[in-house]
Amino acid sequence: MATFIMALQINAGAKKVHDDLSAQINDSLEIFSKNNVKISNLFATLGRYDYLAIFEAADQTLAFRVASEINNKGILETETWPVIPYDEFTQLFSR
């Protein structure tokens, strides 16, 4: 399993169109479970992005699918990063 961080931002147009935005966001987040991807942590932020989701997916293709399906709903825009634990990263340079 590979670990990913997905940054999610509410689409500016969605804020104007949808009365019950929280229900629309929850519906978009259901895409994770529909693809058998479990979110290990979901954070609301005060920064550039509205939410950060940390999740594991079988591979990069599945992560792409989830991100694409979320983006296609038009409520949230995503940016997804593959990540590895810092200890694993430092071992890449140990000899």
N, C-alpha and C. Protein backbone atom coordinates (compact mmCIF):
# COMPACT_ATOMS: atom_id res chain seq x y z
N MET A 1 0.85 -1.19 0.00
CA MET A 1 0.00 0.00 0.00
C MET A 1 0.89 1.25 0.00
N ALA A 2 0.46 2.22 -0.76
CA ALA A 2 1.17 3.49 -0.83
C ALA A 2 0.37 4.54 -0.06
N THR A 3 1.08 5.48 0.55
CA THR A 3 0.44 6.55 1.31
C THR A 3 0.42 7.82 0.49
N PHE A 4 -0.68 8.54 0.61
CA PHE A 4 -0.87 9.79 -0.13
C PHE A 4 -1.46 10.84 0.80
N ILE A 5 -1.18 12.09 0.49
CA ILE A 5 -1.86 13.22 1.13
C ILE A 5 -2.62 13.94 0.03
N MET A 6 -3.90 14.16 0.27
CA MET A 6 -4.72 14.89 -0.68
C MET A 6 -5.14 16.21 -0.04
N ALA A 7 -4.78 17.31 -0.69
CA ALA A 7 -5.22 18.63 -0.27
C ALA A 7 -6.50 18.94 -1.03
N LEU A 8 -7.53 19.35 -0.30
CA LEU A 8 -8.83 19.61 -0.91
C LEU A 8 -9.25 21.05 -0.65
N GLN A 9 -9.75 21.68 -1.68
CA GLN A 9 -10.21 23.06 -1.57
C GLN A 9 -11.63 23.14 -2.14
N ILE A 10 -12.51 23.80 -1.41
CA ILE A 10 -13.88 23.96 -1.89
C ILE A 10 -13.86 24.87 -3.11
N ASN A 11 -14.48 24.41 -4.18
CA ASN A 11 -14.56 25.17 -5.42
C ASN A 11 -15.34 26.45 -5.16
N ALA A 12 -14.79 27.57 -5.59
CA ALA A 12 -15.44 28.87 -5.35
C ALA A 12 -16.85 28.91 -5.92
N GLY A 13 -17.07 28.31 -7.07
CA GLY A 13 -18.40 28.28 -7.67
C GLY A 13 -19.38 27.46 -6.86
N ALA A 14 -18.90 26.39 -6.24
CA ALA A 14 -19.77 25.53 -5.44
C ALA A 14 -20.30 26.27 -4.22
N LYS A 15 -19.51 27.18 -3.68
CA LYS A 15 -19.94 27.95 -2.51
C LYS A 15 -21.16 28.81 -2.83
N LYS A 16 -21.28 29.23 -4.07
CA LYS A 16 -22.38 30.10 -4.48
C LYS A 16 -23.63 29.33 -4.89
N VAL A 17 -23.45 28.09 -5.35
CA VAL A 17 -24.54 27.33 -5.96
C VAL A 17 -25.25 26.41 -4.98
N HIS A 18 -24.51 25.79 -4.07
CA HIS A 18 -25.09 24.75 -3.22
C HIS A 18 -25.48 25.30 -1.85
N ASP A 19 -26.74 25.10 -1.49
CA ASP A 19 -27.22 25.56 -0.19
C ASP A 19 -26.65 24.72 0.94
N ASP A 20 -26.65 23.41 0.78
CA ASP A 20 -26.16 22.50 1.82
C ASP A 20 -24.78 21.98 1.41
N LEU A 21 -23.80 22.85 1.52
CA LEU A 21 -22.45 22.54 1.06
C LEU A 21 -21.83 21.39 1.84
N SER A 22 -22.08 21.31 3.15
CA SER A 22 -21.48 20.23 3.95
C SER A 22 -21.95 18.86 3.48
N ALA A 23 -23.21 18.74 3.09
CA ALA A 23 -23.71 17.46 2.57
C ALA A 23 -23.03 17.13 1.24
N GLN A 24 -22.81 18.13 0.41
CA GLN A 24 -22.14 17.92 -0.87
C GLN A 24 -20.68 17.50 -0.67
N ILE A 25 -20.03 18.09 0.33
CA ILE A 25 -18.64 17.72 0.64
C ILE A 25 -18.59 16.28 1.14
N ASN A 26 -19.49 15.94 2.06
CA ASN A 26 -19.53 14.56 2.57
C ASN A 26 -19.80 13.56 1.44
N ASP A 27 -20.66 13.92 0.52
CA ASP A 27 -20.94 13.06 -0.64
C ASP A 27 -19.67 12.87 -1.47
N SER A 28 -18.91 13.94 -1.66
CA SER A 28 -17.65 13.84 -2.41
C SER A 28 -16.65 12.95 -1.68
N LEU A 29 -16.59 13.06 -0.36
CA LEU A 29 -15.64 12.25 0.42
C LEU A 29 -16.01 10.77 0.43
N GLU A 30 -17.29 10.46 0.17
CA GLU A 30 -17.71 9.05 0.09
C GLU A 30 -17.01 8.31 -1.04
N ILE A 31 -16.45 9.03 -1.97
CA ILE A 31 -15.74 8.40 -3.09
C ILE A 31 -14.58 7.55 -2.58
N PHE A 32 -13.96 7.96 -1.49
CA PHE A 32 -12.88 7.15 -0.91
C PHE A 32 -13.40 5.76 -0.57
N SER A 33 -14.48 5.69 0.22
CA SER A 33 -14.98 4.38 0.64
C SER A 33 -15.55 3.58 -0.53
N LYS A 34 -16.16 4.25 -1.50
CA LYS A 34 -16.68 3.54 -2.67
C LYS A 34 -15.58 2.86 -3.47
N ASN A 35 -14.36 3.36 -3.35
CA ASN A 35 -13.21 2.77 -4.03
C ASN A 35 -12.35 1.93 -3.08
N ASN A 36 -12.92 1.60 -1.91
CA ASN A 36 -12.21 0.80 -0.90
C ASN A 36 -10.89 1.42 -0.47
N VAL A 37 -10.89 2.74 -0.36
CA VAL A 37 -9.73 3.48 0.12
C VAL A 37 -10.11 4.07 1.47
N LYS A 38 -9.29 3.80 2.48
CA LYS A 38 -9.59 4.27 3.83
C LYS A 38 -8.77 5.52 4.13
N ILE A 39 -9.46 6.56 4.57
CA ILE A 39 -8.79 7.77 5.03
C ILE A 39 -8.31 7.52 6.45
N SER A 40 -7.01 7.65 6.69
CA SER A 40 -6.50 7.45 8.06
C SER A 40 -6.65 8.72 8.90
N ASN A 41 -6.58 9.88 8.27
CA ASN A 41 -6.79 11.16 8.96
C ASN A 41 -7.40 12.16 7.99
N LEU A 42 -8.31 12.96 8.50
CA LEU A 42 -8.91 14.05 7.73
C LEU A 42 -8.87 15.29 8.61
N PHE A 43 -8.23 16.34 8.10
CA PHE A 43 -8.06 17.57 8.87
C PHE A 43 -8.72 18.74 8.14
N ALA A 44 -9.34 19.63 8.90
CA ALA A 44 -9.77 20.93 8.38
C ALA A 44 -8.62 21.89 8.65
N THR A 45 -8.34 22.79 7.71
CA THR A 45 -7.20 23.69 7.88
C THR A 45 -7.62 25.15 7.77
N LEU A 46 -6.74 26.01 8.20
CA LEU A 46 -6.96 27.45 8.09
C LEU A 46 -6.12 28.06 6.98
N GLY A 47 -5.49 27.23 6.19
CA GLY A 47 -4.57 27.72 5.17
C GLY A 47 -5.18 27.75 3.78
N ARG A 48 -4.32 27.57 2.80
CA ARG A 48 -4.71 27.62 1.39
C ARG A 48 -5.77 26.57 1.05
N TYR A 49 -5.65 25.41 1.67
CA TYR A 49 -6.60 24.32 1.43
C TYR A 49 -7.60 24.26 2.58
N ASP A 50 -8.77 23.74 2.30
CA ASP A 50 -9.80 23.62 3.33
C ASP A 50 -9.65 22.34 4.14
N TYR A 51 -9.16 21.27 3.49
CA TYR A 51 -9.02 19.97 4.15
C TYR A 51 -7.75 19.28 3.66
N LEU A 52 -7.19 18.42 4.51
CA LEU A 52 -6.10 17.51 4.14
C LEU A 52 -6.54 16.11 4.51
N ALA A 53 -6.47 15.20 3.56
CA ALA A 53 -6.81 13.80 3.80
C ALA A 53 -5.55 12.96 3.63
N ILE A 54 -5.26 12.14 4.62
CA ILE A 54 -4.16 11.19 4.53
C ILE A 54 -4.79 9.83 4.32
N PHE A 55 -4.36 9.15 3.25
CA PHE A 55 -4.98 7.86 2.92
C PHE A 55 -3.97 6.92 2.30
N GLU A 56 -4.33 5.64 2.33
CA GLU A 56 -3.52 4.61 1.68
C GLU A 56 -4.32 4.03 0.53
N ALA A 57 -3.63 3.82 -0.58
CA ALA A 57 -4.26 3.21 -1.76
C ALA A 57 -3.35 2.10 -2.26
N ALA A 58 -3.94 1.14 -2.93
CA ALA A 58 -3.17 0.00 -3.44
C ALA A 58 -2.06 0.46 -4.37
N ASP A 59 -2.33 1.50 -5.15
CA ASP A 59 -1.32 1.99 -6.09
C ASP A 59 -1.69 3.40 -6.54
N GLN A 60 -0.81 3.96 -7.34
CA GLN A 60 -0.99 5.32 -7.81
C GLN A 60 -2.22 5.45 -8.73
N THR A 61 -2.52 4.41 -9.47
CA THR A 61 -3.68 4.44 -10.36
C THR A 61 -4.97 4.62 -9.58
N LEU A 62 -5.09 3.93 -8.46
CA LEU A 62 -6.28 4.07 -7.62
C LEU A 62 -6.35 5.47 -7.01
N ALA A 63 -5.22 6.01 -6.59
CA ALA A 63 -5.20 7.37 -6.05
C ALA A 63 -5.65 8.37 -7.13
N PHE A 64 -5.19 8.16 -8.37
CA PHE A 64 -5.62 9.00 -9.48
C PHE A 64 -7.13 8.90 -9.68
N ARG A 65 -7.67 7.70 -9.63
CA ARG A 65 -9.10 7.50 -9.83
C ARG A 65 -9.91 8.26 -8.79
N VAL A 66 -9.52 8.11 -7.52
CA VAL A 66 -10.24 8.78 -6.44
C VAL A 66 -10.20 10.30 -6.64
N ALA A 67 -9.01 10.83 -6.90
CA ALA A 67 -8.88 12.28 -7.10
C ALA A 67 -9.71 12.75 -8.29
N SER A 68 -9.68 12.01 -9.37
CA SER A 68 -10.44 12.39 -10.57
C SER A 68 -11.94 12.38 -10.31
N GLU A 69 -12.42 11.36 -9.61
CA GLU A 69 -13.85 11.28 -9.31
C GLU A 69 -14.29 12.43 -8.41
N ILE A 70 -13.45 12.78 -7.43
CA ILE A 70 -13.78 13.90 -6.55
C ILE A 70 -13.82 15.20 -7.35
N ASN A 71 -12.81 15.42 -8.18
CA ASN A 71 -12.77 16.63 -9.00
C ASN A 71 -13.97 16.72 -9.94
N ASN A 72 -14.39 15.58 -10.50
CA ASN A 72 -15.50 15.57 -11.45
C ASN A 72 -16.83 15.98 -10.83
N LYS A 73 -16.97 15.83 -9.52
CA LYS A 73 -18.21 16.25 -8.86
C LYS A 73 -18.36 17.78 -8.85
N GLY A 74 -17.23 18.50 -8.97
CA GLY A 74 -17.28 19.95 -9.05
C GLY A 74 -17.42 20.68 -7.72
N ILE A 75 -17.35 19.96 -6.62
CA ILE A 75 -17.48 20.59 -5.30
C ILE A 75 -16.09 20.90 -4.73
N LEU A 76 -15.20 19.93 -4.83
CA LEU A 76 -13.85 20.06 -4.29
C LEU A 76 -12.82 19.96 -5.41
N GLU A 77 -11.76 20.74 -5.28
CA GLU A 77 -10.60 20.63 -6.16
C GLU A 77 -9.49 19.97 -5.34
N THR A 78 -8.73 19.08 -5.96
CA THR A 78 -7.75 18.31 -5.21
C THR A 78 -6.34 18.49 -5.77
N GLU A 79 -5.39 18.28 -4.88
CA GLU A 79 -3.98 18.14 -5.23
C GLU A 79 -3.47 16.98 -4.39
N THR A 80 -2.87 15.99 -5.02
CA THR A 80 -2.51 14.76 -4.33
C THR A 80 -1.01 14.51 -4.44
N TRP A 81 -0.42 14.16 -3.28
CA TRP A 81 1.02 13.92 -3.22
C TRP A 81 1.31 12.52 -2.69
N PRO A 82 2.15 11.74 -3.37
CA PRO A 82 2.62 10.48 -2.79
C PRO A 82 3.66 10.83 -1.72
N VAL A 83 3.62 10.13 -0.60
CA VAL A 83 4.56 10.41 0.50
C VAL A 83 5.13 9.11 1.06
N ILE A 84 6.30 9.24 1.70
CA ILE A 84 6.87 8.13 2.45
C ILE A 84 7.28 8.66 3.81
N PRO A 85 7.33 7.80 4.83
CA PRO A 85 7.77 8.25 6.15
C PRO A 85 9.19 8.82 6.09
N TYR A 86 9.47 9.78 6.93
CA TYR A 86 10.77 10.44 6.93
C TYR A 86 11.90 9.44 7.14
N ASP A 87 11.72 8.46 8.03
CA ASP A 87 12.76 7.46 8.27
C ASP A 87 13.10 6.69 7.00
N GLU A 88 12.10 6.33 6.23
CA GLU A 88 12.35 5.65 4.95
C GLU A 88 13.09 6.56 3.98
N PHE A 89 12.74 7.83 3.99
CA PHE A 89 13.41 8.78 3.11
C PHE A 89 14.89 8.88 3.44
N THR A 90 15.22 9.01 4.73
CA THR A 90 16.63 9.16 5.10
C THR A 90 17.42 7.90 4.80
N GLN A 91 16.78 6.74 4.84
CA GLN A 91 17.48 5.49 4.52
C GLN A 91 17.85 5.40 3.04
N LEU A 92 17.18 6.16 2.21
CA LEU A 92 17.53 6.17 0.79
C LEU A 92 18.95 6.67 0.56
N PHE A 93 19.45 7.48 1.50
CA PHE A 93 20.76 8.10 1.35
C PHE A 93 21.81 7.53 2.28
N SER A 94 21.43 6.55 3.08
CA SER A 94 22.38 5.90 4.00
C SER A 94 23.15 4.84 3.26
N ARG A 95 24.42 4.79 3.51
CA ARG A 95 25.26 3.74 2.89
C ARG A 95 26.25 3.23 3.86
